[in-house]
């Protein structure tokens, strides 16, 4: 069972980013993902996790939907 979590900062307005990543992942891996969860957060967070392991973290990586998709693919 594969779970992908996208935690995003609500006050920062990162909902659109989260939805863009969500759409890309579901389009690419829809049947390979059992759960894709959007988690509201604050303090500038934007993280993508696969089964609890961080594959993208805003403060360490440049936001790139294709790059995030590649990183998730490597975990599936």
N, C-alpha and C. Protein backbone atom coordinates (compact mmCIF):
# COMPACT_ATOMS: atom_id res chain seq x y z
N UNK A 1 0.85 -1.19 0.00
CA UNK A 1 0.00 0.00 0.00
C UNK A 1 0.89 1.24 0.00
N UNK A 2 0.73 2.09 -1.00
CA UNK A 2 1.54 3.30 -1.11
C UNK A 2 0.70 4.52 -0.78
N UNK A 3 1.21 5.33 0.14
CA UNK A 3 0.54 6.55 0.53
C UNK A 3 1.44 7.74 0.20
N UNK A 4 0.87 8.71 -0.49
CA UNK A 4 1.58 9.96 -0.79
C UNK A 4 0.88 11.06 -0.01
N UNK A 5 1.67 11.86 0.69
CA UNK A 5 1.15 12.99 1.44
C UNK A 5 1.77 14.26 0.89
N UNK A 6 0.93 15.27 0.71
CA UNK A 6 1.40 16.59 0.31
C UNK A 6 0.96 17.53 1.42
N UNK A 7 1.92 18.04 2.17
CA UNK A 7 1.62 18.99 3.24
C UNK A 7 1.98 20.38 2.74
N UNK A 8 1.04 21.30 2.86
CA UNK A 8 1.24 22.63 2.29
C UNK A 8 0.81 23.71 3.26
N UNK A 9 1.43 24.86 3.16
CA UNK A 9 1.15 26.02 4.02
C UNK A 9 -0.09 26.74 3.50
N UNK A 10 -1.11 26.77 4.34
CA UNK A 10 -2.35 27.46 3.98
C UNK A 10 -2.15 28.98 3.94
N UNK A 11 -1.56 29.59 5.01
CA UNK A 11 -1.39 31.05 4.98
C UNK A 11 -0.51 31.54 3.82
N UNK A 12 0.40 30.68 3.34
CA UNK A 12 1.29 31.06 2.24
C UNK A 12 0.61 30.98 0.87
N UNK A 13 -0.56 30.34 0.84
CA UNK A 13 -1.27 30.20 -0.43
C UNK A 13 -0.74 29.09 -1.30
N UNK A 14 -0.22 28.01 -0.69
CA UNK A 14 0.37 26.91 -1.45
C UNK A 14 -0.65 25.86 -1.88
N UNK A 15 -1.94 26.11 -1.68
CA UNK A 15 -2.96 25.14 -2.10
C UNK A 15 -2.86 24.85 -3.59
N UNK A 16 -2.70 25.87 -4.41
CA UNK A 16 -2.63 25.66 -5.86
C UNK A 16 -1.43 24.77 -6.23
N UNK A 17 -0.29 24.99 -5.59
CA UNK A 17 0.87 24.13 -5.82
C UNK A 17 0.55 22.68 -5.45
N UNK A 18 -0.07 22.51 -4.29
CA UNK A 18 -0.42 21.16 -3.82
C UNK A 18 -1.36 20.48 -4.80
N UNK A 19 -2.34 21.22 -5.30
CA UNK A 19 -3.28 20.64 -6.26
C UNK A 19 -2.60 20.30 -7.58
N UNK A 20 -1.65 21.12 -8.01
CA UNK A 20 -0.92 20.86 -9.24
C UNK A 20 -0.10 19.57 -9.12
N UNK A 21 0.59 19.41 -7.99
CA UNK A 21 1.37 18.19 -7.76
C UNK A 21 0.43 16.99 -7.65
N UNK A 22 -0.68 17.16 -6.94
CA UNK A 22 -1.66 16.08 -6.79
C UNK A 22 -2.15 15.62 -8.15
N UNK A 23 -2.52 16.54 -9.00
CA UNK A 23 -3.01 16.20 -10.34
C UNK A 23 -1.94 15.47 -11.15
N UNK A 24 -0.71 15.97 -11.10
CA UNK A 24 0.38 15.34 -11.87
C UNK A 24 0.61 13.90 -11.39
N UNK A 25 0.62 13.70 -10.08
CA UNK A 25 0.87 12.37 -9.54
C UNK A 25 -0.26 11.40 -9.86
N UNK A 26 -1.49 11.86 -9.72
CA UNK A 26 -2.62 10.98 -10.03
C UNK A 26 -2.70 10.68 -11.51
N UNK A 27 -2.33 11.63 -12.35
CA UNK A 27 -2.34 11.39 -13.80
C UNK A 27 -1.28 10.36 -14.19
N UNK A 28 -0.11 10.42 -13.55
CA UNK A 28 0.99 9.52 -13.88
C UNK A 28 0.87 8.15 -13.22
N UNK A 29 0.43 8.14 -11.95
CA UNK A 29 0.52 6.92 -11.16
C UNK A 29 -0.80 6.53 -10.50
N UNK A 30 -1.91 6.97 -11.04
CA UNK A 30 -3.21 6.77 -10.40
C UNK A 30 -3.44 5.42 -9.78
N UNK A 31 -3.14 4.34 -10.50
CA UNK A 31 -3.38 3.00 -9.98
C UNK A 31 -2.25 2.52 -9.08
N UNK A 32 -1.11 3.18 -9.10
CA UNK A 32 0.02 2.77 -8.26
C UNK A 32 0.03 3.43 -6.90
N UNK A 33 -0.89 4.36 -6.69
CA UNK A 33 -0.99 5.07 -5.41
C UNK A 33 -2.30 4.66 -4.75
N UNK A 34 -2.20 4.17 -3.52
CA UNK A 34 -3.41 3.78 -2.79
C UNK A 34 -4.09 4.98 -2.14
N UNK A 35 -3.29 5.91 -1.63
CA UNK A 35 -3.83 7.12 -1.00
C UNK A 35 -2.99 8.31 -1.40
N UNK A 36 -3.65 9.41 -1.67
CA UNK A 36 -2.96 10.68 -1.87
C UNK A 36 -3.67 11.69 -0.98
N UNK A 37 -2.96 12.17 0.02
CA UNK A 37 -3.57 12.98 1.07
C UNK A 37 -3.00 14.39 1.01
N UNK A 38 -3.89 15.39 1.04
CA UNK A 38 -3.48 16.79 1.20
C UNK A 38 -3.59 17.11 2.68
N UNK A 39 -2.52 17.66 3.25
CA UNK A 39 -2.48 18.00 4.68
C UNK A 39 -2.22 19.49 4.81
N UNK A 40 -3.10 20.17 5.53
CA UNK A 40 -2.91 21.60 5.73
C UNK A 40 -1.84 21.84 6.78
N UNK A 41 -1.05 22.88 6.55
CA UNK A 41 0.02 23.22 7.48
C UNK A 41 0.23 24.72 7.51
N UNK A 42 1.32 25.13 8.13
CA UNK A 42 1.66 26.55 8.20
C UNK A 42 3.17 26.70 8.29
N UNK A 43 3.64 27.88 8.58
CA UNK A 43 5.07 28.17 8.72
C UNK A 43 5.86 27.86 7.44
N UNK A 44 5.23 28.03 6.28
CA UNK A 44 5.93 27.91 5.00
C UNK A 44 6.18 26.50 4.52
N UNK A 45 5.55 25.51 5.13
CA UNK A 45 5.82 24.12 4.76
C UNK A 45 5.26 23.77 3.38
N UNK A 46 6.03 23.02 2.63
CA UNK A 46 5.56 22.35 1.42
C UNK A 46 6.41 21.11 1.28
N UNK A 47 5.85 19.97 1.65
CA UNK A 47 6.56 18.69 1.61
C UNK A 47 5.74 17.66 0.88
N UNK A 48 6.44 16.78 0.18
CA UNK A 48 5.80 15.62 -0.44
C UNK A 48 6.49 14.40 0.17
N UNK A 49 5.65 13.48 0.71
CA UNK A 49 6.18 12.27 1.34
C UNK A 49 5.56 11.04 0.69
N UNK A 50 6.36 10.00 0.54
CA UNK A 50 5.88 8.71 0.05
C UNK A 50 6.13 7.71 1.17
N UNK A 51 5.05 7.14 1.67
CA UNK A 51 5.12 6.20 2.78
C UNK A 51 5.96 6.75 3.94
N UNK A 52 5.79 8.05 4.21
CA UNK A 52 6.46 8.69 5.33
C UNK A 52 7.83 9.25 5.05
N UNK A 53 8.42 8.90 3.91
CA UNK A 53 9.75 9.40 3.55
C UNK A 53 9.61 10.67 2.72
N UNK A 54 10.31 11.72 3.11
CA UNK A 54 10.26 13.00 2.40
C UNK A 54 10.99 12.86 1.07
N UNK A 55 10.28 13.17 -0.04
CA UNK A 55 10.90 13.17 -1.36
C UNK A 55 11.08 14.59 -1.89
N UNK A 56 10.35 15.55 -1.29
CA UNK A 56 10.51 16.95 -1.67
C UNK A 56 10.25 17.80 -0.44
N UNK A 57 11.12 18.78 -0.22
CA UNK A 57 10.97 19.72 0.89
C UNK A 57 11.35 21.09 0.38
N UNK A 58 10.43 22.02 0.47
CA UNK A 58 10.59 23.35 -0.14
C UNK A 58 11.88 24.06 0.25
N UNK A 59 12.29 23.95 1.49
CA UNK A 59 13.48 24.68 1.91
C UNK A 59 14.78 24.07 1.37
N UNK A 60 14.72 22.82 0.90
CA UNK A 60 15.92 22.16 0.38
C UNK A 60 15.92 21.99 -1.13
N UNK A 61 14.74 21.96 -1.75
CA UNK A 61 14.64 21.67 -3.18
C UNK A 61 13.91 22.81 -3.90
N UNK A 62 14.22 22.96 -5.18
CA UNK A 62 13.51 23.94 -6.00
C UNK A 62 12.20 23.32 -6.48
N UNK A 63 11.11 24.08 -6.36
CA UNK A 63 9.80 23.57 -6.76
C UNK A 63 9.79 23.28 -8.26
N UNK A 64 9.57 22.02 -8.60
CA UNK A 64 9.53 21.57 -9.98
C UNK A 64 8.63 20.34 -10.03
N UNK A 65 7.45 20.49 -10.62
CA UNK A 65 6.47 19.40 -10.64
C UNK A 65 7.05 18.16 -11.31
N UNK A 66 7.77 18.32 -12.41
CA UNK A 66 8.37 17.17 -13.09
C UNK A 66 9.40 16.48 -12.21
N UNK A 67 10.20 17.27 -11.49
CA UNK A 67 11.19 16.70 -10.59
C UNK A 67 10.53 15.95 -9.44
N UNK A 68 9.48 16.50 -8.89
CA UNK A 68 8.75 15.83 -7.81
C UNK A 68 8.17 14.52 -8.34
N UNK A 69 7.61 14.54 -9.54
CA UNK A 69 7.04 13.34 -10.15
C UNK A 69 8.11 12.26 -10.33
N UNK A 70 9.30 12.65 -10.77
CA UNK A 70 10.41 11.69 -10.93
C UNK A 70 10.81 11.10 -9.58
N UNK A 71 10.86 11.94 -8.55
CA UNK A 71 11.24 11.46 -7.22
C UNK A 71 10.20 10.49 -6.66
N UNK A 72 8.94 10.77 -6.91
CA UNK A 72 7.89 9.86 -6.46
C UNK A 72 7.97 8.55 -7.24
N UNK A 73 8.20 8.62 -8.55
CA UNK A 73 8.32 7.42 -9.38
C UNK A 73 9.43 6.51 -8.83
N UNK A 74 10.53 7.09 -8.40
CA UNK A 74 11.64 6.31 -7.88
C UNK A 74 11.26 5.56 -6.61
N UNK A 75 10.26 6.05 -5.89
CA UNK A 75 9.82 5.41 -4.63
C UNK A 75 8.73 4.39 -4.85
N UNK A 76 8.10 4.41 -6.02
CA UNK A 76 6.99 3.49 -6.26
C UNK A 76 7.49 2.17 -6.70
